[in-house]
């Protein structure tokens, strides 16, 4: 099965465009990190404080479903 030249060129163009669109945000992210000097993967995470969430539930039916 032979593919027409115009179809082949369109497929190649669409693949190249798709790869460009896919890689553009990643490239911009690394460019931003380079320009600003930020390195978020090196930040130390803070330990979560030992806190309990308090929920006050008021049940007016005292457990009955009537």
PDB file of N, CA and C in Angstrom:
ATOM      1  N   UNK A   1       0.844  -1.177   0.000  1.00  0.00           N
ATOM      2  CA  UNK A   1       0.000   0.000   0.000  1.00  0.00           C
ATOM      3  C   UNK A   1       0.891   1.242   0.000  1.00  0.00           C
ATOM      4  N   UNK A   2       0.697   2.081  -0.942  1.00  0.00           N
ATOM      5  CA  UNK A   2       1.520   3.266  -1.085  1.00  0.00           C
ATOM      6  C   UNK A   2       0.739   4.498  -0.634  1.00  0.00           C
ATOM      7  N   UNK A   3       1.422   5.380   0.093  1.00  0.00           N
ATOM      8  CA  UNK A   3       0.804   6.610   0.583  1.00  0.00           C
ATOM      9  C   UNK A   3       1.163   7.738  -0.360  1.00  0.00           C
ATOM     10  N   UNK A   4       0.182   8.580  -0.632  1.00  0.00           N
ATOM     11  CA  UNK A   4       0.452   9.725  -1.489  1.00  0.00           C
ATOM     12  C   UNK A   4       1.437  10.665  -0.803  1.00  0.00           C
ATOM     13  N   UNK A   5       2.191  11.376  -1.601  1.00  0.00           N
ATOM     14  CA  UNK A   5       3.215  12.286  -1.076  1.00  0.00           C
ATOM     15  C   UNK A   5       2.593  13.384  -0.215  1.00  0.00           C
ATOM     16  N   UNK A   6       1.454  13.941  -0.629  1.00  0.00           N
ATOM     17  CA  UNK A   6       0.799  15.013   0.135  1.00  0.00           C
ATOM     18  C   UNK A   6       0.330  14.500   1.496  1.00  0.00           C
ATOM     19  N   UNK A   7      -0.195  13.272   1.535  1.00  0.00           N
ATOM     20  CA  UNK A   7      -0.649  12.678   2.795  1.00  0.00           C
ATOM     21  C   UNK A   7       0.530  12.435   3.728  1.00  0.00           C
ATOM     22  N   UNK A   8       1.613  11.943   3.172  1.00  0.00           N
ATOM     23  CA  UNK A   8       2.817  11.686   3.963  1.00  0.00           C
ATOM     24  C   UNK A   8       3.357  12.981   4.558  1.00  0.00           C
ATOM     25  N   UNK A   9       3.397  14.032   3.754  1.00  0.00           N
ATOM     26  CA  UNK A   9       3.880  15.322   4.249  1.00  0.00           C
ATOM     27  C   UNK A   9       2.963  15.886   5.338  1.00  0.00           C
ATOM     28  N   UNK A  10       1.656  15.699   5.181  1.00  0.00           N
ATOM     29  CA  UNK A  10       0.712  16.187   6.183  1.00  0.00           C
ATOM     30  C   UNK A  10       0.877  15.431   7.509  1.00  0.00           C
ATOM     31  N   UNK A  11       1.106  14.126   7.420  1.00  0.00           N
ATOM     32  CA  UNK A  11       1.311  13.324   8.636  1.00  0.00           C
ATOM     33  C   UNK A  11       2.577  13.777   9.353  1.00  0.00           C
ATOM     34  N   UNK A  12       3.656  13.974   8.600  1.00  0.00           N
ATOM     35  CA  UNK A  12       4.920  14.418   9.200  1.00  0.00           C
ATOM     36  C   UNK A  12       4.745  15.788   9.843  1.00  0.00           C
ATOM     37  N   UNK A  13       4.050  16.695   9.139  1.00  0.00           N
ATOM     38  CA  UNK A  13       3.823  18.037   9.683  1.00  0.00           C
ATOM     39  C   UNK A  13       2.994  17.972  10.972  1.00  0.00           C
ATOM     40  N   UNK A  14       1.950  17.134  10.984  1.00  0.00           N
ATOM     41  CA  UNK A  14       1.102  17.027  12.173  1.00  0.00           C
ATOM     42  C   UNK A  14       1.847  16.404  13.348  1.00  0.00           C
ATOM     43  N   UNK A  15       2.700  15.434  13.082  1.00  0.00           N
ATOM     44  CA  UNK A  15       3.491  14.826  14.159  1.00  0.00           C
ATOM     45  C   UNK A  15       4.462  15.849  14.737  1.00  0.00           C
ATOM     46  N   UNK A  16       5.111  16.612  13.867  1.00  0.00           N
ATOM     47  CA  UNK A  16       6.061  17.626  14.339  1.00  0.00           C
ATOM     48  C   UNK A  16       5.340  18.698  15.157  1.00  0.00           C
ATOM     49  N   UNK A  17       4.179  19.116  14.699  1.00  0.00           N
ATOM     50  CA  UNK A  17       3.402  20.113  15.432  1.00  0.00           C
ATOM     51  C   UNK A  17       2.945  19.571  16.783  1.00  0.00           C
ATOM     52  N   UNK A  18       2.511  18.332  16.822  1.00  0.00           N
ATOM     53  CA  UNK A  18       2.078  17.718  18.079  1.00  0.00           C
ATOM     54  C   UNK A  18       3.229  17.634  19.083  1.00  0.00           C
ATOM     55  N   UNK A  19       4.403  17.232  18.617  1.00  0.00           N
ATOM     56  CA  UNK A  19       5.561  17.167  19.504  1.00  0.00           C
ATOM     57  C   UNK A  19       5.952  18.553  20.016  1.00  0.00           C
ATOM     58  N   UNK A  20       5.872  19.556  19.149  1.00  0.00           N
ATOM     59  CA  UNK A  20       6.182  20.927  19.563  1.00  0.00           C
ATOM     60  C   UNK A  20       5.217  21.395  20.639  1.00  0.00           C
ATOM     61  N   UNK A  21       3.927  21.162  20.440  1.00  0.00           N
ATOM     62  CA  UNK A  21       2.919  21.576  21.425  1.00  0.00           C
ATOM     63  C   UNK A  21       3.124  20.825  22.732  1.00  0.00           C
ATOM     64  N   UNK A  22       3.490  19.561  22.661  1.00  0.00           N
ATOM     65  CA  UNK A  22       3.710  18.752  23.861  1.00  0.00           C
ATOM     66  C   UNK A  22       4.945  19.221  24.634  1.00  0.00           C
ATOM     67  N   UNK A  23       6.028  19.548  23.925  1.00  0.00           N
ATOM     68  CA  UNK A  23       7.287  19.885  24.588  1.00  0.00           C
ATOM     69  C   UNK A  23       7.405  21.353  24.988  1.00  0.00           C
ATOM     70  N   UNK A  24       6.588  22.226  24.423  1.00  0.00           N
ATOM     71  CA  UNK A  24       6.685  23.653  24.697  1.00  0.00           C
ATOM     72  C   UNK A  24       6.516  23.991  26.184  1.00  0.00           C
ATOM     73  N   UNK A  25       5.495  23.496  26.887  1.00  0.00           N
ATOM     74  CA  UNK A  25       5.375  23.842  28.317  1.00  0.00           C
ATOM     75  C   UNK A  25       6.552  23.345  29.150  1.00  0.00           C
ATOM     76  N   UNK A  26       7.083  22.190  28.802  1.00  0.00           N
ATOM     77  CA  UNK A  26       8.224  21.646  29.550  1.00  0.00           C
ATOM     78  C   UNK A  26       9.452  22.522  29.325  1.00  0.00           C
ATOM     79  N   UNK A  27       9.676  22.915  28.095  1.00  0.00           N
ATOM     80  CA  UNK A  27      10.819  23.778  27.787  1.00  0.00           C
ATOM     81  C   UNK A  27      10.675  25.138  28.471  1.00  0.00           C
ATOM     82  N   UNK A  28       9.472  25.694  28.471  1.00  0.00           N
ATOM     83  CA  UNK A  28       9.246  26.979  29.136  1.00  0.00           C
ATOM     84  C   UNK A  28       9.447  26.881  30.646  1.00  0.00           C
ATOM     85  N   UNK A  29       9.057  25.747  31.233  1.00  0.00           N
ATOM     86  CA  UNK A  29       9.255  25.551  32.665  1.00  0.00           C
ATOM     87  C   UNK A  29      10.744  25.558  32.996  1.00  0.00           C
ATOM     88  N   UNK A  30      11.538  24.810  32.244  1.00  0.00           N
ATOM     89  CA  UNK A  30      12.970  24.778  32.517  1.00  0.00           C
ATOM     90  C   UNK A  30      13.644  26.110  32.205  1.00  0.00           C
ATOM     91  N   UNK A  31      13.163  26.807  31.198  1.00  0.00           N
ATOM     92  CA  UNK A  31      13.681  28.139  30.903  1.00  0.00           C
ATOM     93  C   UNK A  31      13.394  29.089  32.070  1.00  0.00           C
ATOM     94  N   UNK A  32      12.204  29.011  32.625  1.00  0.00           N
ATOM     95  CA  UNK A  32      11.851  29.838  33.785  1.00  0.00           C
ATOM     96  C   UNK A  32      12.738  29.504  34.978  1.00  0.00           C
ATOM     97  N   UNK A  33      12.968  28.221  35.224  1.00  0.00           N
ATOM     98  CA  UNK A  33      13.847  27.829  36.330  1.00  0.00           C
ATOM     99  C   UNK A  33      15.257  28.356  36.113  1.00  0.00           C
ATOM    100  N   UNK A  34      15.731  28.335  34.880  1.00  0.00           N
ATOM    101  CA  UNK A  34      17.074  28.821  34.581  1.00  0.00           C
ATOM    102  C   UNK A  34      17.171  30.322  34.794  1.00  0.00           C
ATOM    103  N   UNK A  35      16.179  31.057  34.321  1.00  0.00           N
ATOM    104  CA  UNK A  35      16.212  32.517  34.432  1.00  0.00           C
ATOM    105  C   UNK A  35      16.077  32.970  35.880  1.00  0.00           C
ATOM    106  N   UNK A  36      15.130  32.377  36.617  1.00  0.00           N
ATOM    107  CA  UNK A  36      14.862  32.821  37.992  1.00  0.00           C
ATOM    108  C   UNK A  36      15.798  32.174  39.012  1.00  0.00           C
ATOM    109  N   UNK A  37      16.419  31.087  38.655  1.00  0.00           N
ATOM    110  CA  UNK A  37      17.295  30.395  39.590  1.00  0.00           C
ATOM    111  C   UNK A  37      16.548  29.546  40.605  1.00  0.00           C
ATOM    112  N   UNK A  38      15.262  29.362  40.415  1.00  0.00           N
ATOM    113  CA  UNK A  38      14.472  28.548  41.346  1.00  0.00           C
ATOM    114  C   UNK A  38      14.755  27.073  41.114  1.00  0.00           C
ATOM    115  N   UNK A  39      14.739  26.335  42.196  1.00  0.00           N
ATOM    116  CA  UNK A  39      14.879  24.883  42.125  1.00  0.00           C
ATOM    117  C   UNK A  39      13.894  24.266  43.113  1.00  0.00           C
ATOM    118  N   UNK A  40      12.634  24.146  42.729  1.00  0.00           N
ATOM    119  CA  UNK A  40      11.614  23.674  43.667  1.00  0.00           C
ATOM    120  C   UNK A  40      11.835  22.241  44.127  1.00  0.00           C
ATOM    121  N   UNK A  41      12.567  21.433  43.379  1.00  0.00           N
ATOM    122  CA  UNK A  41      12.806  20.058  43.788  1.00  0.00           C
ATOM    123  C   UNK A  41      13.823  19.976  44.917  1.00  0.00           C
ATOM    124  N   UNK A  42      14.517  21.076  45.229  1.00  0.00           N
ATOM    125  CA  UNK A  42      15.493  21.074  46.309  1.00  0.00           C
ATOM    126  C   UNK A  42      14.942  21.669  47.607  1.00  0.00           C
ATOM    127  N   UNK A  43      13.713  22.156  47.581  1.00  0.00           N
ATOM    128  CA  UNK A  43      13.146  22.740  48.795  1.00  0.00           C
ATOM    129  C   UNK A  43      12.841  21.650  49.800  1.00  0.00           C
ATOM    130  N   UNK A  44      13.137  21.946  51.068  1.00  0.00           N
ATOM    131  CA  UNK A  44      12.827  21.001  52.120  1.00  0.00           C
ATOM    132  C   UNK A  44      11.367  21.162  52.513  1.00  0.00           C
ATOM    133  N   UNK A  45      10.715  20.042  52.717  1.00  0.00           N
ATOM    134  CA  UNK A  45       9.314  20.104  53.112  1.00  0.00           C
ATOM    135  C   UNK A  45       9.231  20.310  54.614  1.00  0.00           C
ATOM    136  N   UNK A  46       8.265  21.080  55.027  1.00  0.00           N
ATOM    137  CA  UNK A  46       8.060  21.321  56.446  1.00  0.00           C
ATOM    138  C   UNK A  46       7.238  20.188  57.025  1.00  0.00           C
ATOM    139  N   UNK A  47       7.550  19.835  58.260  1.00  0.00           N
ATOM    140  CA  UNK A  47       6.788  18.785  58.914  1.00  0.00           C
ATOM    141  C   UNK A  47       5.422  19.329  59.296  1.00  0.00           C
ATOM    142  N   UNK A  48       4.432  18.506  59.110  1.00  0.00           N
ATOM    143  CA  UNK A  48       3.071  18.915  59.446  1.00  0.00           C
ATOM    144  C   UNK A  48       2.925  18.949  60.968  1.00  0.00           C
ATOM    145  N   UNK A  49       2.275  19.950  61.449  1.00  0.00           N
ATOM    146  CA  UNK A  49       2.044  20.076  62.889  1.00  0.00           C
ATOM    147  C   UNK A  49       1.021  19.032  63.317  1.00  0.00           C
ATOM    148  N   UNK A  50       1.196  18.546  64.519  1.00  0.00           N
ATOM    149  CA  UNK A  50       0.255  17.563  65.052  1.00  0.00           C
ATOM    150  C   UNK A  50      -1.018  18.273  65.477  1.00  0.00           C
ATOM    151  N   UNK A  51      -1.944  18.340  64.587  1.00  0.00           N
ATOM    152  CA  UNK A  51      -3.221  18.975  64.901  1.00  0.00           C
ATOM    153  C   UNK A  51      -4.334  18.017  64.558  1.00  0.00           C
ATOM    154  N   UNK A  52      -5.338  18.032  65.367  1.00  0.00           N
ATOM    155  CA  UNK A  52      -6.514  17.211  65.121  1.00  0.00           C
ATOM    156  C   UNK A  52      -7.630  18.122  64.658  1.00  0.00           C
ATOM    157  N   UNK A  53      -8.332  17.665  63.659  1.00  0.00           N
ATOM    158  CA  UNK A  53      -9.482  18.443  63.239  1.00  0.00           C
ATOM    159  C   UNK A  53     -10.654  18.093  64.157  1.00  0.00           C
ATOM    160  N   UNK A  54     -11.314  19.103  64.591  1.00  0.00           N
ATOM    161  CA  UNK A  54     -12.429  18.916  65.505  1.00  0.00           C
ATOM    162  C   UNK A  54     -13.711  19.176  64.744  1.00  0.00           C
ATOM    163  N   UNK A  55     -14.567  18.147  64.730  1.00  0.00           N
ATOM    164  CA  UNK A  55     -15.855  18.314  64.075  1.00  0.00           C
ATOM    165  C   UNK A  55     -16.942  18.057  65.111  1.00  0.00           C
ATOM    166  N   UNK A  56     -17.754  19.020  65.290  1.00  0.00           N
ATOM    167  CA  UNK A  56     -18.878  18.870  66.213  1.00  0.00           C
ATOM    168  C   UNK A  56     -20.104  18.470  65.416  1.00  0.00           C
ATOM    169  N   UNK A  57     -20.521  17.210  65.623  1.00  0.00           N
ATOM    170  CA  UNK A  57     -21.695  16.718  64.920  1.00  0.00           C
ATOM    171  C   UNK A  57     -22.869  16.716  65.889  1.00  0.00           C
ATOM    172  N   UNK A  58     -23.930  17.275  65.450  1.00  0.00           N
ATOM    173  CA  UNK A  58     -25.125  17.310  66.279  1.00  0.00           C
ATOM    174  C   UNK A  58     -26.151  16.397  65.634  1.00  0.00           C
ATOM    175  N   UNK A  59     -26.549  15.376  66.353  1.00  0.00           N
ATOM    176  CA  UNK A  59     -27.530  14.427  65.853  1.00  0.00           C
ATOM    177  C   UNK A  59     -28.821  14.659  66.611  1.00  0.00           C
ATOM    178  N   UNK A  60     -29.806  15.213  65.959  1.00  0.00           N
ATOM    179  CA  UNK A  60     -31.070  15.513  66.618  1.00  0.00           C
ATOM    180  C   UNK A  60     -31.970  14.292  66.718  1.00  0.00           C
ATOM    181  N   UNK A  61     -31.671  13.253  65.987  1.00  0.00           N
ATOM    182  CA  UNK A  61     -32.535  12.062  65.982  1.00  0.00           C
ATOM    183  C   UNK A  61     -32.086  11.010  66.984  1.00  0.00           C
ATOM    184  N   UNK A  62     -31.014  11.239  67.678  1.00  0.00           N
ATOM    185  CA  UNK A  62     -30.460  10.295  68.655  1.00  0.00           C
ATOM    186  C   UNK A  62     -30.271   8.895  68.070  1.00  0.00           C
ATOM    187  N   UNK A  63     -29.871   8.805  66.819  1.00  0.00           N
ATOM    188  CA  UNK A  63     -29.567   7.523  66.209  1.00  0.00           C
ATOM    189  C   UNK A  63     -30.754   6.829  65.567  1.00  0.00           C
ATOM    190  N   UNK A  64     -31.929   7.362  65.681  1.00  0.00           N
ATOM    191  CA  UNK A  64     -33.073   6.707  65.076  1.00  0.00           C
ATOM    192  C   UNK A  64     -33.344   7.306  63.694  1.00  0.00           C
ATOM    193  N   UNK A  65     -33.834   6.493  62.820  1.00  0.00           N
ATOM    194  CA  UNK A  65     -34.120   6.939  61.463  1.00  0.00           C
ATOM    195  C   UNK A  65     -35.591   7.232  61.230  1.00  0.00           C
ATOM    196  N   UNK A  66     -36.366   7.303  62.282  1.00  0.00           N
ATOM    197  CA  UNK A  66     -37.816   7.539  62.148  1.00  0.00           C
ATOM    198  C   UNK A  66     -38.123   8.971  61.903  1.00  0.00           C
TER     199      UNK A  66
END
